Amino acid sequence: MTAAQPGDIGAARTGFTTTDRFILRMAVGATLAFALSLIFDLPLSFFAPLLVVKTLPSMPTFPSLLQGVLMPVVMWIGTTAAMLMVSLFADAPLVELLIITLVLFFTYYAKRRGAPGVIVLLLQIAFCIVPLYGTVSLDMAHGIVDVLQESTVVLAVTLFLSHLLVPALPLPVQVAPVPPPGLPPGAAARIALADMLVLLPLLLNLLLYSAFHNFVMLMMTINILSDLEPSRSRITGRNMLFGNFLGGLLAVGAQQLVYLADSLVFFLLTVFLAILWFARGLARGGLSNDFFRIGAGTFILILGLAITPEHGGSEMSYLQRILHILVATVYASAALLIVSPLRRIDPGPANPAPVQG
């Protein structure tokens, strides 16, 4: 995926090329999403910004009304279904695990067949996070359902505002969008099985032992898998894992500066500048694309958790955060290495679906 688009009509007049606008839109979008999440006092303040940086690269033009409405609707359906599952099977974690496993498999399968990545990610987050909170209490599960639904509304609003504030340049010719190519059914099912197996041990630990402190590991692994496309080269996987680690370390360092400054304006400025740097790297394309894409998501996740008054949130120490980042990176590396034979794709005409968010 290349963020920059050809045909920079009007760039000489405005001084901003398509690439410049993409970079600025990413930084503005992440900052706006954080600001709105904090204004509305959403506990998981990182959720909307995380999805913004995953969605904007695949949304180079102004989103349609259907796209804006679809995301909150999908999250409402996902969280409502997940809450119903938690209510019915609160005393049967193995049944919950079976249902979550099936949801993960079919959503990963749909993604490999060409379904929009952001829709898949919304459903996966709903069915992973709501049961996790349900291991503490049903009241907490109900609370997180409201937070996820409200955060997705913030996501949709932010996408519209980002394109309003940093509009795309007009294209010389209106070209009908080409549906993203997907993998054949057999390959899609095999890779979906591999991705599901990576998350399964974490979910098993979380549901059976109420290991809420592993929330960071779960979110980081979901973040990695949402961007990791099947690749014939291991360089892509290594770049993404290095990006995950670097993004986490930068977030921990930024957290200390934010604590010292004790200023909302400084926090938002930190987010803006960091995402500006990540987006600039992402716009270059090539192998470094994966490094900067996963790094931006991890940076937002870890920095957002630093100001989150939840389990695994702001009460964690500096060293605990670094340890969680290390453990999550090592776990993802080891798990992906184990399932790598299942994730291989044969050279041929079929290409993996492009990153959708």
Foldseek 3Di string as FASTA:
>chain_A
DAQFDPDQPCCVVVVAGLLNLLLLLLLQLLLQQLVVCVVVVQLLSLVLSLLLLLASSQDSAADDPCVLVVQLVLLLVLLVVLLVVCVVQVVPLVVLLVVLLVLLLVLLLVVQQQDFLSSSLSNNCSSQVLLLLVPVPSVSSVVVSVSSSVSSNSNSVSSNVSCVVRPGRDHPDDDDDDRFHHDPNVLSSLQSNLLSQLLSVVSCCCNPVVPSLLVLLNVLSSLLVSADAQDPDCLLVVLLLLLLLVLLVVLLVVLVVCVVVVDPVSVSVVSSVLSSVLSSQCNVDDSNVNSSSSSNSNNSNNNSQCPRPDNNRVVDDSVRSNVSSVVSSVSSVVSCVVSSVSSHDDDDDGDGGHRND
